[in-house]
Amino acid sequence: MAATTSPTHARRLSLYALALCLLTVVAAVLSFVQGNWFGIIWVLLAGLSSNMAWYYSRKAKS
């Protein structure tokens, strides 16, 4: 059973994913500035959340 997403709901999800992307980028920068290689995980999460933001923004437009 596939779940349908309304355009309003998709727009809200895209904004949440964009906010998460910005927070993970900040976390990655802070982690690398402190000399911690754990920032690589934050970079991967930023990539995932940016893809989610792009997907849901495209879904909201259709």
PDB file of N, CA and C in Angstrom:
ATOM      1  N   MET A   1       0.844  -1.170   0.000  1.00  0.00           N
ATOM      2  CA  MET A   1       0.000   0.000   0.000  1.00  0.00           C
ATOM      3  C   MET A   1       0.895   1.240   0.000  1.00  0.00           C
ATOM      4  N   ALA A   2       0.813   2.015  -1.052  1.00  0.00           N
ATOM      5  CA  ALA A   2       1.654   3.203  -1.189  1.00  0.00           C
ATOM      6  C   ALA A   2       1.001   4.393  -0.497  1.00  0.00           C
ATOM      7  N   ALA A   3       1.808   5.138   0.201  1.00  0.00           N
ATOM      8  CA  ALA A   3       1.315   6.339   0.878  1.00  0.00           C
ATOM      9  C   ALA A   3       1.379   7.514  -0.092  1.00  0.00           C
ATOM     10  N   THR A   4       0.305   8.274  -0.170  1.00  0.00           N
ATOM     11  CA  THR A   4       0.299   9.457  -1.024  1.00  0.00           C
ATOM     12  C   THR A   4       0.636  10.676  -0.185  1.00  0.00           C
ATOM     13  N   THR A   5       1.327  11.607  -0.805  1.00  0.00           N
ATOM     14  CA  THR A   5       1.748  12.822  -0.118  1.00  0.00           C
ATOM     15  C   THR A   5       1.128  14.016  -0.820  1.00  0.00           C
ATOM     16  N   SER A   6       0.418  14.832  -0.070  1.00  0.00           N
ATOM     17  CA  SER A   6      -0.187  16.024  -0.658  1.00  0.00           C
ATOM     18  C   SER A   6       0.904  17.062  -0.936  1.00  0.00           C
ATOM     19  N   PRO A   7       0.658  17.994  -1.862  1.00  0.00           N
ATOM     20  CA  PRO A   7       1.668  19.027  -2.154  1.00  0.00           C
ATOM     21  C   PRO A   7       2.048  19.855  -0.930  1.00  0.00           C
ATOM     22  N   THR A   8       1.075  20.138  -0.059  1.00  0.00           N
ATOM     23  CA  THR A   8       1.381  20.913   1.146  1.00  0.00           C
ATOM     24  C   THR A   8       2.295  20.121   2.071  1.00  0.00           C
ATOM     25  N   HIS A   9       1.997  18.844   2.210  1.00  0.00           N
ATOM     26  CA  HIS A   9       2.811  17.986   3.071  1.00  0.00           C
ATOM     27  C   HIS A   9       4.219  17.820   2.484  1.00  0.00           C
ATOM     28  N   ALA A  10       4.304  17.674   1.164  1.00  0.00           N
ATOM     29  CA  ALA A  10       5.606  17.526   0.510  1.00  0.00           C
ATOM     30  C   ALA A  10       6.436  18.799   0.659  1.00  0.00           C
ATOM     31  N   ARG A  11       5.780  19.964   0.570  1.00  0.00           N
ATOM     32  CA  ARG A  11       6.507  21.229   0.734  1.00  0.00           C
ATOM     33  C   ARG A  11       7.068  21.341   2.150  1.00  0.00           C
ATOM     34  N   ARG A  12       6.273  20.956   3.137  1.00  0.00           N
ATOM     35  CA  ARG A  12       6.725  21.005   4.525  1.00  0.00           C
ATOM     36  C   ARG A  12       7.898  20.050   4.750  1.00  0.00           C
ATOM     37  N   LEU A  13       7.808  18.850   4.181  1.00  0.00           N
ATOM     38  CA  LEU A  13       8.904  17.897   4.307  1.00  0.00           C
ATOM     39  C   LEU A  13      10.175  18.411   3.633  1.00  0.00           C
ATOM     40  N   SER A  14      10.027  19.088   2.503  1.00  0.00           N
ATOM     41  CA  SER A  14      11.211  19.619   1.826  1.00  0.00           C
ATOM     42  C   SER A  14      11.869  20.720   2.653  1.00  0.00           C
ATOM     43  N   LEU A  15      11.069  21.533   3.324  1.00  0.00           N
ATOM     44  CA  LEU A  15      11.645  22.580   4.182  1.00  0.00           C
ATOM     45  C   LEU A  15      12.345  21.983   5.397  1.00  0.00           C
ATOM     46  N   TYR A  16      11.756  20.939   5.987  1.00  0.00           N
ATOM     47  CA  TYR A  16      12.410  20.257   7.108  1.00  0.00           C
ATOM     48  C   TYR A  16      13.731  19.630   6.666  1.00  0.00           C
ATOM     49  N   ALA A  17      13.729  19.003   5.494  1.00  0.00           N
ATOM     50  CA  ALA A  17      14.951  18.381   4.989  1.00  0.00           C
ATOM     51  C   ALA A  17      16.011  19.429   4.672  1.00  0.00           C
ATOM     52  N   LEU A  18      15.599  20.589   4.169  1.00  0.00           N
ATOM     53  CA  LEU A  18      16.543  21.671   3.896  1.00  0.00           C
ATOM     54  C   LEU A  18      17.151  22.202   5.193  1.00  0.00           C
ATOM     55  N   ALA A  19      16.327  22.350   6.223  1.00  0.00           N
ATOM     56  CA  ALA A  19      16.839  22.793   7.522  1.00  0.00           C
ATOM     57  C   ALA A  19      17.818  21.770   8.082  1.00  0.00           C
ATOM     58  N   LEU A  20      17.497  20.496   7.937  1.00  0.00           N
ATOM     59  CA  LEU A  20      18.396  19.443   8.398  1.00  0.00           C
ATOM     60  C   LEU A  20      19.706  19.476   7.622  1.00  0.00           C
ATOM     61  N   CYS A  21      19.628  19.743   6.330  1.00  0.00           N
ATOM     62  CA  CYS A  21      20.832  19.838   5.502  1.00  0.00           C
ATOM     63  C   CYS A  21      21.733  20.973   5.978  1.00  0.00           C
ATOM     64  N   LEU A  22      21.148  22.122   6.245  1.00  0.00           N
ATOM     65  CA  LEU A  22      21.939  23.260   6.727  1.00  0.00           C
ATOM     66  C   LEU A  22      22.583  22.958   8.081  1.00  0.00           C
ATOM     67  N   LEU A  23      21.834  22.312   8.967  1.00  0.00           N
ATOM     68  CA  LEU A  23      22.392  21.970  10.278  1.00  0.00           C
ATOM     69  C   LEU A  23      23.528  20.957  10.167  1.00  0.00           C
ATOM     70  N   THR A  24      23.398  19.984   9.272  1.00  0.00           N
ATOM     71  CA  THR A  24      24.466  18.999   9.128  1.00  0.00           C
ATOM     72  C   THR A  24      25.711  19.605   8.488  1.00  0.00           C
ATOM     73  N   VAL A  25      25.534  20.574   7.601  1.00  0.00           N
ATOM     74  CA  VAL A  25      26.701  21.258   7.021  1.00  0.00           C
ATOM     75  C   VAL A  25      27.435  22.045   8.103  1.00  0.00           C
ATOM     76  N   VAL A  26      26.692  22.734   8.958  1.00  0.00           N
ATOM     77  CA  VAL A  26      27.311  23.471  10.067  1.00  0.00           C
ATOM     78  C   VAL A  26      28.030  22.504  11.002  1.00  0.00           C
ATOM     79  N   ALA A  27      27.402  21.374  11.298  1.00  0.00           N
ATOM     80  CA  ALA A  27      28.029  20.379  12.175  1.00  0.00           C
ATOM     81  C   ALA A  27      29.301  19.819  11.545  1.00  0.00           C
ATOM     82  N   ALA A  28      29.288  19.610  10.232  1.00  0.00           N
ATOM     83  CA  ALA A  28      30.477  19.097   9.552  1.00  0.00           C
ATOM     84  C   ALA A  28      31.612  20.111   9.598  1.00  0.00           C
ATOM     85  N   VAL A  29      31.300  21.370   9.347  1.00  0.00           N
ATOM     86  CA  VAL A  29      32.334  22.413   9.382  1.00  0.00           C
ATOM     87  C   VAL A  29      32.926  22.520  10.780  1.00  0.00           C
ATOM     88  N   LEU A  30      32.077  22.557  11.785  1.00  0.00           N
ATOM     89  CA  LEU A  30      32.579  22.644  13.163  1.00  0.00           C
ATOM     90  C   LEU A  30      33.420  21.427  13.527  1.00  0.00           C
ATOM     91  N   SER A  31      33.003  20.274  13.073  1.00  0.00           N
ATOM     92  CA  SER A  31      33.740  19.054  13.374  1.00  0.00           C
ATOM     93  C   SER A  31      35.125  19.074  12.727  1.00  0.00           C
ATOM     94  N   PHE A  32      35.192  19.509  11.468  1.00  0.00           N
ATOM     95  CA  PHE A  32      36.488  19.567  10.790  1.00  0.00           C
ATOM     96  C   PHE A  32      37.379  20.665  11.365  1.00  0.00           C
ATOM     97  N   VAL A  33      36.799  21.779  11.782  1.00  0.00           N
ATOM     98  CA  VAL A  33      37.586  22.862  12.381  1.00  0.00           C
ATOM     99  C   VAL A  33      38.231  22.392  13.675  1.00  0.00           C
ATOM    100  N   GLN A  34      37.514  21.562  14.415  1.00  0.00           N
ATOM    101  CA  GLN A  34      38.045  21.039  15.676  1.00  0.00           C
ATOM    102  C   GLN A  34      39.020  19.886  15.451  1.00  0.00           C
ATOM    103  N   GLY A  35      39.217  19.498  14.200  1.00  0.00           N
ATOM    104  CA  GLY A  35      40.165  18.437  13.890  1.00  0.00           C
ATOM    105  C   GLY A  35      39.594  17.045  14.058  1.00  0.00           C
ATOM    106  N   ASN A  36      38.280  16.936  14.079  1.00  0.00           N
ATOM    107  CA  ASN A  36      37.627  15.651  14.267  1.00  0.00           C
ATOM    108  C   ASN A  36      37.181  15.107  12.912  1.00  0.00           C
ATOM    109  N   TRP A  37      37.598  13.894  12.593  1.00  0.00           N
ATOM    110  CA  TRP A  37      37.243  13.292  11.312  1.00  0.00           C
ATOM    111  C   TRP A  37      35.828  12.724  11.312  1.00  0.00           C
ATOM    112  N   PHE A  38      35.132  12.847  12.431  1.00  0.00           N
ATOM    113  CA  PHE A  38      33.735  12.425  12.510  1.00  0.00           C
ATOM    114  C   PHE A  38      32.857  13.281  11.599  1.00  0.00           C
ATOM    115  N   GLY A  39      33.393  14.393  11.121  1.00  0.00           N
ATOM    116  CA  GLY A  39      32.661  15.272  10.224  1.00  0.00           C
ATOM    117  C   GLY A  39      32.283  14.616   8.908  1.00  0.00           C
ATOM    118  N   ILE A  40      32.989  13.548   8.544  1.00  0.00           N
ATOM    119  CA  ILE A  40      32.652  12.833   7.312  1.00  0.00           C
ATOM    120  C   ILE A  40      31.236  12.276   7.395  1.00  0.00           C
ATOM    121  N   ILE A  41      30.844  11.808   8.571  1.00  0.00           N
ATOM    122  CA  ILE A  41      29.477  11.311   8.767  1.00  0.00           C
ATOM    123  C   ILE A  41      28.478  12.441   8.540  1.00  0.00           C
ATOM    124  N   TRP A  42      28.811  13.638   9.031  1.00  0.00           N
ATOM    125  CA  TRP A  42      27.921  14.787   8.843  1.00  0.00           C
ATOM    126  C   TRP A  42      27.807  15.157   7.372  1.00  0.00           C
ATOM    127  N   VAL A  43      28.888  15.033   6.627  1.00  0.00           N
ATOM    128  CA  VAL A  43      28.852  15.324   5.187  1.00  0.00           C
ATOM    129  C   VAL A  43      27.930  14.340   4.471  1.00  0.00           C
ATOM    130  N   LEU A  44      28.012  13.071   4.849  1.00  0.00           N
ATOM    131  CA  LEU A  44      27.132  12.073   4.244  1.00  0.00           C
ATOM    132  C   LEU A  44      25.666  12.349   4.576  1.00  0.00           C
ATOM    133  N   LEU A  45      25.399  12.737   5.816  1.00  0.00           N
ATOM    134  CA  LEU A  45      24.029  13.079   6.199  1.00  0.00           C
ATOM    135  C   LEU A  45      23.539  14.331   5.474  1.00  0.00           C
ATOM    136  N   ALA A  46      24.441  15.268   5.225  1.00  0.00           N
ATOM    137  CA  ALA A  46      24.064  16.468   4.466  1.00  0.00           C
ATOM    138  C   ALA A  46      23.681  16.091   3.038  1.00  0.00           C
ATOM    139  N   GLY A  47      24.414  15.177   2.446  1.00  0.00           N
ATOM    140  CA  GLY A  47      24.073  14.714   1.104  1.00  0.00           C
ATOM    141  C   GLY A  47      22.725  14.023   1.058  1.00  0.00           C
ATOM    142  N   LEU A  48      22.463  13.191   2.038  1.00  0.00           N
ATOM    143  CA  LEU A  48      21.178  12.497   2.104  1.00  0.00           C
ATOM    144  C   LEU A  48      20.025  13.477   2.287  1.00  0.00           C
ATOM    145  N   SER A  49      20.190  14.418   3.193  1.00  0.00           N
ATOM    146  CA  SER A  49      19.100  15.365   3.454  1.00  0.00           C
ATOM    147  C   SER A  49      18.898  16.332   2.281  1.00  0.00           C
ATOM    148  N   SER A  50      19.971  16.674   1.562  1.00  0.00           N
ATOM    149  CA  SER A  50      19.784  17.542   0.391  1.00  0.00           C
ATOM    150  C   SER A  50      19.036  16.800  -0.712  1.00  0.00           C
ATOM    151  N   ASN A  51      19.309  15.506  -0.862  1.00  0.00           N
ATOM    152  CA  ASN A  51      18.554  14.717  -1.837  1.00  0.00           C
ATOM    153  C   ASN A  51      17.085  14.620  -1.443  1.00  0.00           C
ATOM    154  N   MET A  52      16.821  14.473  -0.156  1.00  0.00           N
ATOM    155  CA  MET A  52      15.432  14.427   0.310  1.00  0.00           C
ATOM    156  C   MET A  52      14.739  15.759   0.064  1.00  0.00           C
ATOM    157  N   ALA A  53      15.436  16.863   0.313  1.00  0.00           N
ATOM    158  CA  ALA A  53      14.853  18.188   0.082  1.00  0.00           C
ATOM    159  C   ALA A  53      14.542  18.384  -1.398  1.00  0.00           C
ATOM    160  N   TRP A  54      15.445  17.977  -2.268  1.00  0.00           N
ATOM    161  CA  TRP A  54      15.218  18.097  -3.704  1.00  0.00           C
ATOM    162  C   TRP A  54      14.032  17.243  -4.136  1.00  0.00           C
ATOM    163  N   TYR A  55      13.971  16.003  -3.653  1.00  0.00           N
ATOM    164  CA  TYR A  55      12.893  15.086  -4.022  1.00  0.00           C
ATOM    165  C   TYR A  55      11.532  15.636  -3.609  1.00  0.00           C
ATOM    166  N   TYR A  56      11.413  16.083  -2.374  1.00  0.00           N
ATOM    167  CA  TYR A  56      10.117  16.560  -1.896  1.00  0.00           C
ATOM    168  C   TYR A  56       9.739  17.918  -2.489  1.00  0.00           C
ATOM    169  N   SER A  57      10.724  18.742  -2.826  1.00  0.00           N
ATOM    170  CA  SER A  57      10.378  20.007  -3.486  1.00  0.00           C
ATOM    171  C   SER A  57       9.863  19.745  -4.898  1.00  0.00           C
ATOM    172  N   ARG A  58      10.445  18.769  -5.598  1.00  0.00           N
ATOM    173  CA  ARG A  58       9.950  18.397  -6.926  1.00  0.00           C
ATOM    174  C   ARG A  58       8.566  17.769  -6.829  1.00  0.00           C
ATOM    175  N   LYS A  59       8.358  16.985  -5.784  1.00  0.00           N
ATOM    176  CA  LYS A  59       7.061  16.341  -5.597  1.00  0.00           C
ATOM    177  C   LYS A  59       5.985  17.376  -5.275  1.00  0.00           C
ATOM    178  N   ALA A  60       6.346  18.431  -4.559  1.00  0.00           N
ATOM    179  CA  ALA A  60       5.376  19.476  -4.216  1.00  0.00           C
ATOM    180  C   ALA A  60       4.966  20.264  -5.453  1.00  0.00           C
ATOM    181  N   LYS A  61       5.867  20.390  -6.431  1.00  0.00           N
ATOM    182  CA  LYS A  61       5.556  21.143  -7.645  1.00  0.00           C
ATOM    183  C   LYS A  61       4.665  20.360  -8.601  1.00  0.00           C
ATOM    184  N   SER A  62       4.700  19.034  -8.504  1.00  0.00           N
ATOM    185  CA  SER A  62       3.898  18.228  -9.438  1.00  0.00           C
ATOM    186  C   SER A  62       2.491  17.983  -8.953  1.00  0.00           C
TER     187      SER A  62
END
